[in-house]
C-alpha atoms as a PDB file:
ATOM      1  CA  MET A   1       0.000   0.000   0.000  1.00  0.00           C
ATOM      2  CA  ASN A   2       1.299   3.476  -0.914  1.00  0.00           C
ATOM      3  CA  PHE A   3       1.351   6.458   1.445  1.00  0.00           C
ATOM      4  CA  PRO A   4       2.335   9.392  -0.819  1.00  0.00           C
ATOM      5  CA  LEU A   5       2.070  12.121   1.823  1.00  0.00           C
ATOM      6  CA  LEU A   6       4.200  10.286   4.366  1.00  0.00           C
ATOM      7  CA  THR A   7       6.694   8.946   1.816  1.00  0.00           C
ATOM      8  CA  GLU A   8       7.884  12.466   1.019  1.00  0.00           C
ATOM      9  CA  LEU A   9       8.721  13.219   4.649  1.00  0.00           C
ATOM     10  CA  ASN A  10      11.985  12.624   6.459  1.00  0.00           C
ATOM     11  CA  PRO A  11      11.786   9.381   8.534  1.00  0.00           C
ATOM     12  CA  ILE A  12      12.463  11.323  11.730  1.00  0.00           C
ATOM     13  CA  LEU A  13       9.504  13.593  10.960  1.00  0.00           C
ATOM     14  CA  GLN A  14       7.431  10.512  10.136  1.00  0.00           C
ATOM     15  CA  ALA A  15       8.290   9.061  13.533  1.00  0.00           C
ATOM     16  CA  LEU A  16       7.433  12.342  15.255  1.00  0.00           C
ATOM     17  CA  ILE A  17       3.997  12.505  13.599  1.00  0.00           C
ATOM     18  CA  ALA A  18       3.298   8.842  14.384  1.00  0.00           C
ATOM     19  CA  THR A  19       4.234   9.149  18.058  1.00  0.00           C
ATOM     20  CA  ILE A  20       2.242  12.365  18.443  1.00  0.00           C
ATOM     21  CA  PHE A  21      -0.679  10.268  17.207  1.00  0.00           C
ATOM     22  CA  THR A  22      -0.026   7.601  19.863  1.00  0.00           C
ATOM     23  CA  TRP A  23       0.251  10.326  22.511  1.00  0.00           C
ATOM     24  CA  PHE A  24      -3.025  11.818  21.293  1.00  0.00           C
ATOM     25  CA  LEU A  25      -4.875   8.520  21.791  1.00  0.00           C
ATOM     26  CA  THR A  26      -3.514   8.343  25.337  1.00  0.00           C
ATOM     27  CA  THR A  27      -4.893  11.842  25.809  1.00  0.00           C
ATOM     28  CA  ILE A  28      -8.315  10.732  24.526  1.00  0.00           C
ATOM     29  CA  GLY A  29      -8.298   7.835  26.983  1.00  0.00           C
ATOM     30  CA  ALA A  30      -7.329  10.119  29.865  1.00  0.00           C
ATOM     31  CA  ALA A  31     -10.090  12.564  28.871  1.00  0.00           C
ATOM     32  CA  SER A  32     -12.670   9.953  29.878  1.00  0.00           C
ATOM     33  CA  VAL A  33     -12.367  11.300  33.447  1.00  0.00           C
ATOM     34  CA  PHE A  34     -14.429  14.295  32.319  1.00  0.00           C
ATOM     35  CA  LEU A  35     -17.315  11.904  31.643  1.00  0.00           C
ATOM     36  CA  THR A  36     -17.099   9.445  34.524  1.00  0.00           C
ATOM     37  CA  LYS A  37     -15.234   8.751  37.746  1.00  0.00           C
ATOM     38  CA  ASP A  38     -14.955   5.049  37.101  1.00  0.00           C
ATOM     39  CA  VAL A  39     -15.156   2.517  34.293  1.00  0.00           C
ATOM     40  CA  ASN A  40     -16.862  -0.859  34.299  1.00  0.00           C
ATOM     41  CA  ARG A  41     -14.302  -3.464  35.334  1.00  0.00           C
ATOM     42  CA  LYS A  42     -15.316  -5.871  32.554  1.00  0.00           C
ATOM     43  CA  VAL A  43     -14.841  -3.141  29.981  1.00  0.00           C
ATOM     44  CA  LEU A  44     -11.425  -2.225  31.389  1.00  0.00           C
ATOM     45  CA  ASP A  45     -10.248  -5.849  31.564  1.00  0.00           C
ATOM     46  CA  GLY A  46     -11.391  -6.437  27.996  1.00  0.00           C
ATOM     47  CA  MET A  47      -9.570  -3.316  26.809  1.00  0.00           C
ATOM     48  CA  LEU A  48      -6.398  -4.297  28.659  1.00  0.00           C
ATOM     49  CA  GLY A  49      -6.554  -7.790  27.136  1.00  0.00           C
ATOM     50  CA  PHE A  50      -7.013  -6.247  23.687  1.00  0.00           C
ATOM     51  CA  ALA A  51      -4.033  -3.943  24.321  1.00  0.00           C
ATOM     52  CA  ALA A  52      -1.889  -6.923  25.332  1.00  0.00           C
ATOM     53  CA  GLY A  53      -2.771  -8.776  22.131  1.00  0.00           C
ATOM     54  CA  VAL A  54      -1.955  -5.742  20.002  1.00  0.00           C
ATOM     55  CA  MET A  55       1.433  -5.275  21.675  1.00  0.00           C
ATOM     56  CA  LEU A  56       2.349  -8.957  21.360  1.00  0.00           C
ATOM     57  CA  ALA A  57       1.497  -9.014  17.651  1.00  0.00           C
ATOM     58  CA  ALA A  58       3.250  -5.697  17.034  1.00  0.00           C
ATOM     59  CA  SER A  59       6.382  -6.972  18.760  1.00  0.00           C
ATOM     60  CA  PHE A  60       6.495 -10.032  16.532  1.00  0.00           C
ATOM     61  CA  PHE A  61       5.310  -8.852  13.122  1.00  0.00           C
ATOM     62  CA  SER A  62       6.654  -5.280  13.130  1.00  0.00           C
ATOM     63  CA  LEU A  63       9.873  -5.730  15.114  1.00  0.00           C
ATOM     64  CA  LEU A  64      11.181  -9.283  15.519  1.00  0.00           C
ATOM     65  CA  LEU A  65      10.536 -10.527  11.973  1.00  0.00           C
ATOM     66  CA  PRO A  66      12.232  -7.500  10.324  1.00  0.00           C
ATOM     67  CA  ALA A  67      15.106  -7.861  12.794  1.00  0.00           C
ATOM     68  CA  LEU A  68      15.610 -11.492  11.766  1.00  0.00           C
ATOM     69  CA  ASP A  69      15.355 -10.637   8.050  1.00  0.00           C
ATOM     70  CA  LEU A  70      17.934  -7.885   8.409  1.00  0.00           C
ATOM     71  CA  SER A  71      20.273 -10.091  10.419  1.00  0.00           C
ATOM     72  CA  VAL A  72      20.170 -12.659   7.603  1.00  0.00           C
ATOM     73  CA  LEU A  73      20.922  -9.957   4.998  1.00  0.00           C
ATOM     74  CA  GLN A  74      23.924  -8.805   7.046  1.00  0.00           C
ATOM     75  CA  ASN A  75      25.364 -12.313   6.594  1.00  0.00           C
ATOM     76  CA  ASN A  76      25.808 -12.850  10.311  1.00  0.00           C
ATOM     77  CA  THR A  77      27.248 -16.271  11.115  1.00  0.00           C
ATOM     78  CA  ALA A  78      24.353 -16.852  13.518  1.00  0.00           C
ATOM     79  CA  PRO A  79      21.495 -14.617  12.300  1.00  0.00           C
ATOM     80  CA  TRP A  80      19.481 -15.353  15.409  1.00  0.00           C
ATOM     81  CA  LEU A  81      22.183 -14.106  17.784  1.00  0.00           C
ATOM     82  CA  PRO A  82      21.751 -10.294  17.403  1.00  0.00           C
ATOM     83  CA  VAL A  83      17.984 -10.721  17.737  1.00  0.00           C
ATOM     84  CA  ALA A  84      18.312 -12.929  20.805  1.00  0.00           C
ATOM     85  CA  ILE A  85      20.744 -10.494  22.440  1.00  0.00           C
ATOM     86  CA  GLY A  86      18.666  -7.415  21.643  1.00  0.00           C
ATOM     87  CA  PHE A  87      15.432  -9.068  22.769  1.00  0.00           C
ATOM     88  CA  SER A  88      16.953 -10.169  26.078  1.00  0.00           C
ATOM     89  CA  LEU A  89      18.521  -6.774  26.751  1.00  0.00           C
ATOM     90  CA  GLY A  90      15.183  -5.061  26.097  1.00  0.00           C
ATOM     91  CA  GLY A  91      13.398  -7.073  28.762  1.00  0.00           C
ATOM     92  CA  ILE A  92      16.278  -6.835  31.220  1.00  0.00           C
ATOM     93  CA  SER A  93      16.460  -3.046  30.799  1.00  0.00           C
ATOM     94  CA  ILE A  94      12.803  -2.587  31.758  1.00  0.00           C
ATOM     95  CA  ARG A  95      13.296  -4.913  34.726  1.00  0.00           C
ATOM     96  CA  ILE A  96      16.239  -2.814  35.901  1.00  0.00           C
ATOM     97  CA  ALA A  97      14.233   0.380  35.458  1.00  0.00           C
ATOM     98  CA  ASP A  98      11.412  -1.132  37.533  1.00  0.00           C
ATOM     99  CA  LYS A  99      13.933  -2.011  40.224  1.00  0.00           C
ATOM    100  CA  ILE A 100      15.749   1.310  40.537  1.00  0.00           C
ATOM    101  CA  ILE A 101      12.921   3.782  39.839  1.00  0.00           C
ATOM    102  CA  PRO A 102      10.127   4.133  42.433  1.00  0.00           C
ATOM    103  CA  HIS A 103       6.673   3.596  40.908  1.00  0.00           C
ATOM    104  CA  LEU A 104       3.170   2.200  41.368  1.00  0.00           C
ATOM    105  CA  HIS A 105       1.628  -0.458  39.160  1.00  0.00           C
ATOM    106  CA  VAL A 106      -1.004   0.865  36.787  1.00  0.00           C
ATOM    107  CA  ASN A 107      -4.607   0.605  38.064  1.00  0.00           C
ATOM    108  CA  TYR A 108      -3.516  -0.571  41.506  1.00  0.00           C
ATOM    109  CA  PRO A 109      -5.019   1.338  44.474  1.00  0.00           C
ATOM    110  CA  LEU A 110      -3.101   4.511  45.251  1.00  0.00           C
ATOM    111  CA  ASP A 111      -2.518   3.257  48.787  1.00  0.00           C
ATOM    112  CA  SER A 112      -0.798   0.068  47.564  1.00  0.00           C
ATOM    113  CA  GLU A 113       2.871  -0.575  48.210  1.00  0.00           C
ATOM    114  CA  VAL A 114       5.386   1.430  46.203  1.00  0.00           C
ATOM    115  CA  GLU A 115       7.834  -0.617  44.144  1.00  0.00           C
ATOM    116  CA  GLY A 116      11.489   0.276  43.840  1.00  0.00           C
ATOM    117  CA  PRO A 117      13.477   2.486  46.247  1.00  0.00           C
ATOM    118  CA  LYS A 118      11.692   4.299  49.057  1.00  0.00           C
ATOM    119  CA  THR A 119      10.556   7.803  48.172  1.00  0.00           C
ATOM    120  CA  ASN A 120       8.467  10.707  49.406  1.00  0.00           C
ATOM    121  CA  LEU A 121       7.007  11.462  45.987  1.00  0.00           C
ATOM    122  CA  GLN A 122       3.248  11.756  45.703  1.00  0.00           C
ATOM    123  CA  ARG A 123       1.423   8.575  44.719  1.00  0.00           C
ATOM    124  CA  SER A 124      -0.005  10.250  41.640  1.00  0.00           C
ATOM    125  CA  ILE A 125       3.504  11.048  40.437  1.00  0.00           C
ATOM    126  CA  LEU A 126       4.621   7.456  41.044  1.00  0.00           C
ATOM    127  CA  LEU A 127       1.742   6.142  38.950  1.00  0.00           C
ATOM    128  CA  VAL A 128       2.711   8.419  36.060  1.00  0.00           C
ATOM    129  CA  ILE A 129       6.358   7.360  36.405  1.00  0.00           C
ATOM    130  CA  ALA A 130       5.369   3.693  36.061  1.00  0.00           C
ATOM    131  CA  ILE A 131       3.548   4.140  32.777  1.00  0.00           C
ATOM    132  CA  THR A 132       6.173   6.590  31.479  1.00  0.00           C
ATOM    133  CA  ILE A 133       8.844   3.915  31.933  1.00  0.00           C
ATOM    134  CA  HIS A 134       6.767   1.567  29.829  1.00  0.00           C
ATOM    135  CA  ASN A 135       5.992   4.139  27.142  1.00  0.00           C
ATOM    136  CA  ILE A 136       9.648   4.736  26.324  1.00  0.00           C
ATOM    137  CA  PRO A 137      10.136   1.415  24.455  1.00  0.00           C
ATOM    138  CA  GLU A 138       6.817   1.933  22.652  1.00  0.00           C
ATOM    139  CA  GLY A 139       7.912   5.301  21.285  1.00  0.00           C
ATOM    140  CA  MET A 140      11.356   3.954  20.481  1.00  0.00           C
ATOM    141  CA  ALA A 141       9.817   0.995  18.635  1.00  0.00           C
ATOM    142  CA  VAL A 142       7.807   3.309  16.384  1.00  0.00           C
ATOM    143  CA  GLY A 143      10.847   5.470  15.657  1.00  0.00           C
ATOM    144  CA  VAL A 144      13.084   2.513  14.854  1.00  0.00           C
ATOM    145  CA  ALA A 145      10.370   1.035  12.599  1.00  0.00           C
ATOM    146  CA  PHE A 146      10.108   4.227  10.522  1.00  0.00           C
ATOM    147  CA  GLY A 147      13.877   4.520  10.340  1.00  0.00           C
ATOM    148  CA  ALA A 148      14.208   0.904   9.218  1.00  0.00           C
ATOM    149  CA  ALA A 149      11.486   1.386   6.588  1.00  0.00           C
ATOM    150  CA  SER A 150      13.448   4.244   5.033  1.00  0.00           C
ATOM    151  CA  LEU A 151      16.372   1.860   4.422  1.00  0.00           C
ATOM    152  CA  GLY A 152      14.278  -0.549   2.345  1.00  0.00           C
ATOM    153  CA  ILE A 153      14.848  -3.497   4.644  1.00  0.00           C
ATOM    154  CA  PRO A 154      12.663  -6.529   3.785  1.00  0.00           C
ATOM    155  CA  GLY A 155       9.752  -6.709   6.204  1.00  0.00           C
ATOM    156  CA  ALA A 156      10.449  -3.216   7.530  1.00  0.00           C
ATOM    157  CA  THR A 157       8.096  -1.274   5.273  1.00  0.00           C
ATOM    158  CA  LEU A 158       6.377   2.064   5.748  1.00  0.00           C
ATOM    159  CA  GLY A 159       3.085   0.197   6.015  1.00  0.00           C
ATOM    160  CA  ALA A 160       4.485  -1.987   8.803  1.00  0.00           C
ATOM    161  CA  ALA A 161       5.689   1.106  10.668  1.00  0.00           C
ATOM    162  CA  ILE A 162       2.272   2.752  10.292  1.00  0.00           C
ATOM    163  CA  SER A 163       0.506  -0.390  11.497  1.00  0.00           C
ATOM    164  CA  LEU A 164       2.813  -0.454  14.521  1.00  0.00           C
ATOM    165  CA  ALA A 165       1.941   3.158  15.333  1.00  0.00           C
ATOM    166  CA  ILE A 166      -1.779   2.412  14.952  1.00  0.00           C
ATOM    167  CA  GLY A 167      -1.458  -0.654  17.159  1.00  0.00           C
ATOM    168  CA  ILE A 168       0.390   1.182  19.904  1.00  0.00           C
ATOM    169  CA  GLY A 169      -2.134   4.010  19.646  1.00  0.00           C
ATOM    170  CA  LEU A 170      -4.998   1.534  20.094  1.00  0.00           C
ATOM    171  CA  GLN A 171      -3.466   0.137  23.250  1.00  0.00           C
ATOM    172  CA  ASN A 172      -2.638   3.629  24.529  1.00  0.00           C
ATOM    173  CA  PHE A 173      -6.329   4.516  24.775  1.00  0.00           C
ATOM    174  CA  PRO A 174      -7.095   2.128  27.666  1.00  0.00           C
ATOM    175  CA  GLU A 175      -3.692   2.971  29.107  1.00  0.00           C
ATOM    176  CA  GLY A 176      -4.708   6.620  29.413  1.00  0.00           C
ATOM    177  CA  MET A 177      -7.887   5.537  31.191  1.00  0.00           C
ATOM    178  CA  ALA A 178      -5.957   3.176  33.467  1.00  0.00           C
ATOM    179  CA  VAL A 179      -3.780   6.054  34.673  1.00  0.00           C
ATOM    180  CA  ALA A 180      -6.403   8.804  34.953  1.00  0.00           C
ATOM    181  CA  MET A 181      -9.234   6.815  36.569  1.00  0.00           C
ATOM    182  CA  PRO A 182      -7.390   5.736  39.757  1.00  0.00           C
ATOM    183  CA  LEU A 183      -6.205   9.317  40.234  1.00  0.00           C
ATOM    184  CA  ARG A 184      -9.780  10.572  39.943  1.00  0.00           C
ATOM    185  CA  ARG A 185     -11.029   7.937  42.392  1.00  0.00           C
ATOM    186  CA  GLY A 186      -8.180   8.924  44.710  1.00  0.00           C
ATOM    187  CA  GLY A 187      -9.553  12.442  45.026  1.00  0.00           C
ATOM    188  CA  LEU A 188      -7.717  14.427  42.359  1.00  0.00           C
ATOM    189  CA  SER A 189      -9.735  16.855  40.284  1.00  0.00           C
ATOM    190  CA  ARG A 190     -10.837  15.896  36.783  1.00  0.00           C
ATOM    191  CA  LEU A 191      -8.367  18.338  35.271  1.00  0.00           C
ATOM    192  CA  LYS A 192      -5.396  17.047  37.281  1.00  0.00           C
ATOM    193  CA  SER A 193      -6.342  13.420  36.624  1.00  0.00           C
ATOM    194  CA  PHE A 194      -6.520  14.159  32.901  1.00  0.00           C
ATOM    195  CA  TRP A 195      -3.234  16.077  32.977  1.00  0.00           C
ATOM    196  CA  TYR A 196      -1.327  13.258  34.650  1.00  0.00           C
ATOM    197  CA  GLY A 197      -2.989  10.655  32.413  1.00  0.00           C
ATOM    198  CA  GLN A 198      -1.879  12.286  29.173  1.00  0.00           C
ATOM    199  CA  LEU A 199       1.491  13.244  30.637  1.00  0.00           C
ATOM    200  CA  SER A 200       2.413   9.571  30.908  1.00  0.00           C
ATOM    201  CA  ALA A 201       2.731   9.327  27.105  1.00  0.00           C
ATOM    202  CA  VAL A 202       4.446  12.641  26.375  1.00  0.00           C
ATOM    203  CA  VAL A 203       7.749  10.741  26.338  1.00  0.00           C
ATOM    204  CA  GLU A 204       6.718   8.745  23.249  1.00  0.00           C
ATOM    205  CA  PRO A 205       7.427  11.495  20.652  1.00  0.00           C
ATOM    206  CA  VAL A 206      10.847  12.060  22.233  1.00  0.00           C
ATOM    207  CA  ALA A 207      11.657   8.346  22.218  1.00  0.00           C
ATOM    208  CA  GLY A 208      10.297   8.025  18.664  1.00  0.00           C
ATOM    209  CA  VAL A 209      12.567  10.733  17.292  1.00  0.00           C
ATOM    210  CA  MET A 210      15.556   9.245  19.119  1.00  0.00           C
ATOM    211  CA  GLY A 211      14.760   5.773  17.753  1.00  0.00           C
ATOM    212  CA  ALA A 212      14.533   7.008  14.157  1.00  0.00           C
ATOM    213  CA  ALA A 213      17.738   9.036  14.494  1.00  0.00           C
ATOM    214  CA  PHE A 214      19.571   6.037  15.968  1.00  0.00           C
ATOM    215  CA  VAL A 215      18.931   4.025  12.803  1.00  0.00           C
ATOM    216  CA  PHE A 216      20.930   6.472  10.692  1.00  0.00           C
ATOM    217  CA  VAL A 217      23.953   6.662  12.973  1.00  0.00           C
ATOM    218  CA  ALA A 218      24.131   2.964  13.829  1.00  0.00           C
ATOM    219  CA  GLN A 219      22.671   0.946  10.957  1.00  0.00           C
ATOM    220  CA  PRO A 220      24.702  -2.220  11.728  1.00  0.00           C
ATOM    221  CA  PHE A 221      22.992  -2.336  15.128  1.00  0.00           C
ATOM    222  CA  LEU A 222      19.479  -2.156  13.717  1.00  0.00           C
ATOM    223  CA  PRO A 223      18.650  -5.846  14.406  1.00  0.00           C
ATOM    224  CA  TYR A 224      19.595  -5.214  18.018  1.00  0.00           C
ATOM    225  CA  ALA A 225      17.475  -2.051  18.182  1.00  0.00           C
ATOM    226  CA  LEU A 226      14.377  -3.665  16.663  1.00  0.00           C
ATOM    227  CA  SER A 227      14.567  -6.723  18.897  1.00  0.00           C
ATOM    228  CA  PHE A 228      15.439  -4.581  21.954  1.00  0.00           C
ATOM    229  CA  ALA A 229      12.180  -2.677  21.503  1.00  0.00           C
ATOM    230  CA  ALA A 230      10.291  -5.963  21.105  1.00  0.00           C
ATOM    231  CA  GLY A 231      11.806  -7.423  24.262  1.00  0.00           C
ATOM    232  CA  ALA A 232      10.958  -4.311  26.267  1.00  0.00           C
ATOM    233  CA  MET A 233       7.369  -4.279  25.027  1.00  0.00           C
ATOM    234  CA  ILE A 234       6.795  -7.976  25.693  1.00  0.00           C
ATOM    235  CA  PHE A 235       8.216  -7.619  29.197  1.00  0.00           C
ATOM    236  CA  VAL A 236       5.676  -4.876  29.886  1.00  0.00           C
ATOM    237  CA  VAL A 237       2.828  -6.995  28.487  1.00  0.00           C
ATOM    238  CA  VAL A 238       3.686 -10.079  30.537  1.00  0.00           C
ATOM    239  CA  GLU A 239       4.674  -8.287  33.734  1.00  0.00           C
ATOM    240  CA  GLU A 240       1.983  -5.589  33.797  1.00  0.00           C
ATOM    241  CA  VAL A 241      -0.802  -5.669  31.224  1.00  0.00           C
ATOM    242  CA  ILE A 242      -1.828  -9.340  31.241  1.00  0.00           C
ATOM    243  CA  PRO A 243      -1.776  -9.753  35.052  1.00  0.00           C
ATOM    244  CA  GLU A 244      -3.787  -6.555  35.459  1.00  0.00           C
ATOM    245  CA  SER A 245      -6.372  -7.741  32.918  1.00  0.00           C
ATOM    246  CA  GLN A 246      -6.833 -10.934  34.957  1.00  0.00           C
ATOM    247  CA  ARG A 247      -7.160  -9.325  38.404  1.00  0.00           C
ATOM    248  CA  GLY A 248     -10.820  -8.353  38.118  1.00  0.00           C
ATOM    249  CA  GLY A 249     -12.183 -11.881  37.754  1.00  0.00           C
ATOM    250  CA  ASN A 250     -12.795 -11.517  34.014  1.00  0.00           C
ATOM    251  CA  GLY A 251      -9.959 -13.745  32.865  1.00  0.00           C
ATOM    252  CA  ASP A 252     -11.802 -15.473  30.019  1.00  0.00           C
ATOM    253  CA  LEU A 253     -13.034 -12.160  28.609  1.00  0.00           C
ATOM    254  CA  ALA A 254      -9.575 -10.612  28.843  1.00  0.00           C
ATOM    255  CA  THR A 255      -7.999 -13.627  27.135  1.00  0.00           C
ATOM    256  CA  LEU A 256     -10.517 -13.590  24.280  1.00  0.00           C
ATOM    257  CA  CYS A 257      -9.905  -9.856  23.831  1.00  0.00           C
ATOM    258  CA  LEU A 258      -6.157 -10.553  23.785  1.00  0.00           C
ATOM    259  CA  LEU A 259      -6.666 -12.999  20.919  1.00  0.00           C
ATOM    260  CA  PHE A 260      -8.858 -10.448  19.140  1.00  0.00           C
ATOM    261  CA  GLY A 261      -6.232  -7.721  19.587  1.00  0.00           C
ATOM    262  CA  PHE A 262      -3.521 -10.013  18.239  1.00  0.00           C
ATOM    263  CA  VAL A 263      -5.597 -10.832  15.152  1.00  0.00           C
ATOM    264  CA  ILE A 264      -6.459  -7.168  14.511  1.00  0.00           C
ATOM    265  CA  MET A 265      -2.801  -6.172  14.726  1.00  0.00           C
ATOM    266  CA  MET A 266      -1.787  -9.041  12.438  1.00  0.00           C
ATOM    267  CA  ILE A 267      -4.385  -7.972   9.877  1.00  0.00           C
ATOM    268  CA  LEU A 268      -3.207  -4.354  10.067  1.00  0.00           C
ATOM    269  CA  ASP A 269       0.389  -5.363   9.529  1.00  0.00           C
ATOM    270  CA  VAL A 270      -0.445  -7.461   6.444  1.00  0.00           C
ATOM    271  CA  ALA A 271      -3.043  -5.080   4.998  1.00  0.00           C
ATOM    272  CA  LEU A 272      -0.848  -1.973   5.252  1.00  0.00           C
ATOM    273  CA  THR A 273       2.327  -3.621   3.971  1.00  0.00           C
END
């Protein structure tokens, strides 16, 4: 599929536009606090399951497969090795960030135990920090995908990069709700709850631009970068999103929505390529 308007733009600008879009959908999700103080738990669990499916499919189809294809083209003795290393480092990096940065799990009660080092920061700030940590690899993944597409790498097409941005945007909508709603229930005003909810994704455009720029200065490391982003995203899905979708007693619904999200993302990736 052709995208004439985007094709004429610099890949870094493409990444910036795409990640502003993902940030915008987080903002829309956070804006739900102006309509209600709470959201039906079944609806939230279904949306979180859908988001998990989208992220899993995006990690595989838009990041890992192009990374493997590129590693083969680079004539690496073991084409799987750069992908395995990058993938592992991505997950480990998020684990380290979780360990050294104080934060609260998304959608947990604001009076729950703080993870990471002890701190006197407000609980609302800690909640935003948690989701900000997890949004960095998402923005980076979009940026790297657009940068890789500009190099004509098999599997790393402009359509694949766009589908990745759409997928991350789709999962950002419930993410914005999951940040803003607990803050509203905790007593913050609608405006402050919205502000903190959208603020959690403001890092994505920054990470997206950095990811796209990295491709041009370190092309030999692109398989590592693509798989690093995939590893970070999958760590977030398994450690945060899936467990949270199962906590409300709607496990079957969340799992079915995960499958649906995976299929939708797979279709997007194929249809837009």
